[in-house]
Amino acid sequence: MAASITLPTINYVQDVKAADEVIIPVMEQGDHSVTLPHNSQTKDEVREQFGEPQKQVAAVGNPPISRWEYEKFTVFFENDLVLHAVLKK
């Protein structure tokens, strides 16, 4: 009985050794040398550090979410504070 339990286990180990290796590359987002605004910076601080945005999109919703678009990134604000900044592709 011990032999019948051992054999399938050995076969299983052999099957695993014969398996193909699959490599899934990790994607990188954009240019890592670009400095982005950080959470909780004010609109005035962002404007002072990065200049005037190319485009300002008015706030919508509750809480009000607005966005400023720059050449390489977009900044999302909740009221007057940075919520998130995203690199453009």
N, C-alpha and C. Protein backbone atom coordinates (compact mmCIF):
# COMPACT_ATOMS: atom_id res chain seq x y z
N MET A 1 0.82 -1.19 0.00
CA MET A 1 0.00 0.00 0.00
C MET A 1 0.86 1.26 0.00
N ALA A 2 1.95 1.25 0.72
CA ALA A 2 2.83 2.41 0.73
C ALA A 2 3.39 2.68 -0.65
N ALA A 3 3.67 1.63 -1.43
CA ALA A 3 4.21 1.81 -2.77
C ALA A 3 3.20 2.48 -3.69
N SER A 4 1.93 2.16 -3.55
CA SER A 4 0.93 2.77 -4.43
C SER A 4 0.73 4.25 -4.12
N ILE A 5 0.98 4.67 -2.91
CA ILE A 5 0.87 6.09 -2.55
C ILE A 5 2.13 6.83 -3.00
N THR A 6 3.27 6.22 -2.90
CA THR A 6 4.53 6.85 -3.26
C THR A 6 4.66 7.05 -4.77
N LEU A 7 4.26 6.11 -5.57
CA LEU A 7 4.43 6.20 -7.02
C LEU A 7 3.72 7.41 -7.64
N PRO A 8 2.46 7.66 -7.32
CA PRO A 8 1.83 8.84 -7.91
C PRO A 8 2.52 10.14 -7.49
N THR A 9 3.03 10.19 -6.27
CA THR A 9 3.74 11.38 -5.81
C THR A 9 5.02 11.58 -6.60
N ILE A 10 5.75 10.52 -6.86
CA ILE A 10 6.98 10.62 -7.65
C ILE A 10 6.65 11.06 -9.07
N ASN A 11 5.62 10.49 -9.65
CA ASN A 11 5.21 10.90 -11.00
C ASN A 11 4.82 12.37 -11.03
N TYR A 12 4.15 12.82 -10.01
CA TYR A 12 3.75 14.23 -9.93
C TYR A 12 4.98 15.13 -9.92
N VAL A 13 5.98 14.78 -9.13
CA VAL A 13 7.21 15.57 -9.06
C VAL A 13 7.89 15.58 -10.42
N GLN A 14 7.92 14.45 -11.10
CA GLN A 14 8.53 14.39 -12.43
C GLN A 14 7.78 15.29 -13.40
N ASP A 15 6.46 15.32 -13.32
CA ASP A 15 5.67 16.19 -14.21
C ASP A 15 6.00 17.66 -13.98
N VAL A 16 6.17 18.05 -12.73
CA VAL A 16 6.48 19.44 -12.42
C VAL A 16 7.84 19.81 -12.97
N LYS A 17 8.81 18.92 -12.87
CA LYS A 17 10.14 19.20 -13.39
C LYS A 17 10.13 19.38 -14.90
N ALA A 18 9.18 18.75 -15.57
CA ALA A 18 9.11 18.83 -17.03
C ALA A 18 8.27 20.02 -17.50
N ALA A 19 7.72 20.78 -16.60
CA ALA A 19 6.84 21.90 -16.97
C ALA A 19 7.63 23.01 -17.64
N ASP A 20 6.96 23.74 -18.52
CA ASP A 20 7.57 24.90 -19.15
C ASP A 20 7.53 26.08 -18.20
N GLU A 21 8.53 26.95 -18.30
CA GLU A 21 8.56 28.16 -17.49
C GLU A 21 7.92 29.29 -18.29
N VAL A 22 6.95 29.95 -17.69
CA VAL A 22 6.27 31.06 -18.34
C VAL A 22 6.74 32.34 -17.66
N ILE A 23 7.26 33.27 -18.45
CA ILE A 23 7.72 34.55 -17.92
C ILE A 23 6.77 35.64 -18.38
N ILE A 24 6.20 36.35 -17.43
CA ILE A 24 5.29 37.44 -17.74
C ILE A 24 5.99 38.74 -17.38
N PRO A 25 6.30 39.58 -18.38
CA PRO A 25 7.03 40.82 -18.10
C PRO A 25 6.17 41.81 -17.31
N VAL A 26 6.81 42.54 -16.44
CA VAL A 26 6.15 43.59 -15.68
C VAL A 26 6.17 44.85 -16.53
N MET A 27 5.03 45.47 -16.71
CA MET A 27 4.95 46.68 -17.52
C MET A 27 5.41 47.88 -16.69
N GLU A 28 6.09 48.79 -17.34
CA GLU A 28 6.51 50.02 -16.68
C GLU A 28 5.66 51.15 -17.22
N GLN A 29 5.31 52.09 -16.36
CA GLN A 29 4.48 53.20 -16.78
C GLN A 29 5.34 54.42 -17.04
N GLY A 30 5.35 54.87 -18.27
CA GLY A 30 5.91 56.16 -18.65
C GLY A 30 7.32 56.45 -18.22
N ASP A 31 7.62 57.71 -18.17
CA ASP A 31 8.94 58.24 -17.88
C ASP A 31 9.07 58.47 -16.38
N HIS A 32 9.91 57.67 -15.72
CA HIS A 32 10.04 57.77 -14.26
C HIS A 32 10.83 59.00 -13.82
N SER A 33 11.39 59.75 -14.77
CA SER A 33 12.14 60.95 -14.40
C SER A 33 11.21 62.15 -14.23
N VAL A 34 9.93 62.00 -14.55
CA VAL A 34 8.97 63.09 -14.41
C VAL A 34 8.53 63.21 -12.96
N THR A 35 8.66 64.40 -12.40
CA THR A 35 8.19 64.65 -11.04
C THR A 35 6.70 64.96 -11.10
N LEU A 36 5.94 64.34 -10.22
CA LEU A 36 4.49 64.54 -10.18
C LEU A 36 4.08 65.23 -8.89
N PRO A 37 2.98 65.98 -8.91
CA PRO A 37 2.45 66.52 -7.67
C PRO A 37 2.08 65.37 -6.73
N HIS A 38 2.16 65.61 -5.44
CA HIS A 38 1.83 64.55 -4.49
C HIS A 38 0.51 64.85 -3.78
N ASN A 39 -0.06 63.80 -3.22
CA ASN A 39 -1.35 63.93 -2.53
C ASN A 39 -1.31 65.04 -1.50
N SER A 40 -2.39 65.75 -1.40
CA SER A 40 -2.65 66.85 -0.47
C SER A 40 -1.91 68.14 -0.74
N GLN A 41 -1.21 68.24 -1.87
CA GLN A 41 -0.70 69.56 -2.26
C GLN A 41 -1.91 70.40 -2.65
N THR A 42 -1.83 71.70 -2.42
CA THR A 42 -2.92 72.59 -2.82
C THR A 42 -2.76 72.98 -4.29
N LYS A 43 -3.83 73.52 -4.86
CA LYS A 43 -3.76 74.00 -6.24
C LYS A 43 -2.70 75.09 -6.38
N ASP A 44 -2.61 75.97 -5.39
CA ASP A 44 -1.59 77.03 -5.44
C ASP A 44 -0.18 76.44 -5.43
N GLU A 45 0.04 75.40 -4.61
CA GLU A 45 1.37 74.76 -4.57
C GLU A 45 1.70 74.08 -5.90
N VAL A 46 0.71 73.43 -6.50
CA VAL A 46 0.93 72.78 -7.80
C VAL A 46 1.25 73.84 -8.85
N ARG A 47 0.48 74.92 -8.86
CA ARG A 47 0.71 76.00 -9.83
C ARG A 47 2.10 76.61 -9.64
N GLU A 48 2.51 76.79 -8.39
CA GLU A 48 3.83 77.36 -8.10
C GLU A 48 4.95 76.43 -8.56
N GLN A 49 4.79 75.14 -8.35
CA GLN A 49 5.83 74.16 -8.69
C GLN A 49 5.87 73.81 -10.18
N PHE A 50 4.70 73.72 -10.82
CA PHE A 50 4.63 73.21 -12.20
C PHE A 50 4.16 74.24 -13.22
N GLY A 51 3.75 75.41 -12.77
CA GLY A 51 3.26 76.44 -13.68
C GLY A 51 1.79 76.26 -14.00
N GLU A 52 1.31 77.09 -14.92
CA GLU A 52 -0.09 77.02 -15.32
C GLU A 52 -0.35 75.75 -16.13
N PRO A 53 -1.46 75.08 -15.88
CA PRO A 53 -1.79 73.89 -16.68
C PRO A 53 -2.17 74.29 -18.10
N GLN A 54 -2.02 73.35 -19.03
CA GLN A 54 -2.45 73.59 -20.40
C GLN A 54 -3.97 73.67 -20.49
N LYS A 55 -4.64 72.93 -19.62
CA LYS A 55 -6.10 72.89 -19.63
C LYS A 55 -6.60 72.65 -18.21
N GLN A 56 -7.66 73.37 -17.84
CA GLN A 56 -8.33 73.14 -16.56
C GLN A 56 -9.75 72.66 -16.84
N VAL A 57 -10.12 71.54 -16.24
CA VAL A 57 -11.46 70.99 -16.41
C VAL A 57 -12.23 71.24 -15.11
N ALA A 58 -13.39 71.87 -15.24
CA ALA A 58 -14.19 72.26 -14.08
C ALA A 58 -14.59 71.06 -13.22
N ALA A 59 -14.82 71.35 -11.95
CA ALA A 59 -15.20 70.31 -10.99
C ALA A 59 -16.59 69.77 -11.28
N VAL A 60 -16.75 68.46 -11.05
CA VAL A 60 -18.05 67.80 -11.16
C VAL A 60 -18.23 66.88 -9.96
N GLY A 61 -19.50 66.61 -9.62
CA GLY A 61 -19.79 65.65 -8.56
C GLY A 61 -19.73 66.23 -7.17
N ASN A 62 -19.94 65.33 -6.22
CA ASN A 62 -19.88 65.69 -4.81
C ASN A 62 -19.17 64.57 -4.07
N PRO A 63 -17.97 64.74 -3.57
CA PRO A 63 -17.21 65.98 -3.54
C PRO A 63 -16.79 66.40 -4.95
N PRO A 64 -16.55 67.70 -5.13
CA PRO A 64 -16.18 68.19 -6.45
C PRO A 64 -14.77 67.73 -6.86
N ILE A 65 -14.70 67.05 -8.02
CA ILE A 65 -13.42 66.57 -8.55
C ILE A 65 -13.13 67.34 -9.83
N SER A 66 -11.99 68.01 -9.86
CA SER A 66 -11.56 68.74 -11.05
C SER A 66 -10.23 68.18 -11.50
N ARG A 67 -9.80 68.60 -12.68
CA ARG A 67 -8.49 68.13 -13.14
C ARG A 67 -7.78 69.22 -13.91
N TRP A 68 -6.45 69.17 -13.82
CA TRP A 68 -5.58 70.04 -14.58
C TRP A 68 -4.72 69.16 -15.47
N GLU A 69 -4.61 69.55 -16.72
CA GLU A 69 -3.81 68.78 -17.66
C GLU A 69 -2.53 69.53 -18.00
N TYR A 70 -1.42 68.84 -17.82
CA TYR A 70 -0.10 69.33 -18.21
C TYR A 70 0.39 68.48 -19.38
N GLU A 71 1.53 68.84 -19.94
CA GLU A 71 2.05 68.12 -21.11
C GLU A 71 2.25 66.64 -20.84
N LYS A 72 2.86 66.29 -19.70
CA LYS A 72 3.22 64.89 -19.44
C LYS A 72 2.34 64.20 -18.40
N PHE A 73 1.47 64.93 -17.73
CA PHE A 73 0.65 64.32 -16.68
C PHE A 73 -0.64 65.09 -16.48
N THR A 74 -1.57 64.44 -15.78
CA THR A 74 -2.84 65.05 -15.39
C THR A 74 -2.96 64.97 -13.88
N VAL A 75 -3.45 66.05 -13.27
CA VAL A 75 -3.63 66.10 -11.82
C VAL A 75 -5.12 66.18 -11.51
N PHE A 76 -5.58 65.32 -10.61
CA PHE A 76 -6.97 65.31 -10.17
C PHE A 76 -7.03 65.93 -8.77
N PHE A 77 -7.98 66.83 -8.58
CA PHE A 77 -8.15 67.52 -7.30
C PHE A 77 -9.51 67.18 -6.71
N GLU A 78 -9.54 67.05 -5.39
CA GLU A 78 -10.80 67.03 -4.64
C GLU A 78 -10.84 68.33 -3.88
N ASN A 79 -11.79 69.18 -4.24
CA ASN A 79 -11.81 70.56 -3.75
C ASN A 79 -10.50 71.23 -4.16
N ASP A 80 -9.66 71.60 -3.20
CA ASP A 80 -8.42 72.33 -3.50
C ASP A 80 -7.17 71.45 -3.36
N LEU A 81 -7.34 70.16 -3.05
CA LEU A 81 -6.19 69.31 -2.76
C LEU A 81 -5.98 68.23 -3.81
N VAL A 82 -4.70 67.93 -4.09
CA VAL A 82 -4.38 66.87 -5.05
C VAL A 82 -4.89 65.54 -4.52
N LEU A 83 -5.65 64.87 -5.37
CA LEU A 83 -6.17 63.55 -5.07
C LEU A 83 -5.26 62.49 -5.70
N HIS A 84 -4.83 62.76 -6.96
CA HIS A 84 -4.02 61.80 -7.70
C HIS A 84 -3.38 62.51 -8.89
N ALA A 85 -2.19 62.06 -9.28
CA ALA A 85 -1.53 62.55 -10.49
C ALA A 85 -1.14 61.35 -11.34
N VAL A 86 -1.39 61.43 -12.65
CA VAL A 86 -1.19 60.29 -13.55
C VAL A 86 -0.37 60.72 -14.75
N LEU A 87 0.67 59.92 -15.09
CA LEU A 87 1.45 60.18 -16.29
C LEU A 87 0.62 59.89 -17.52
N LYS A 88 0.82 60.70 -18.57
CA LYS A 88 0.15 60.43 -19.85
C LYS A 88 0.99 59.43 -20.62
N LYS A 89 0.34 58.66 -21.50
CA LYS A 89 1.06 57.70 -22.34
C LYS A 89 1.73 58.41 -23.48
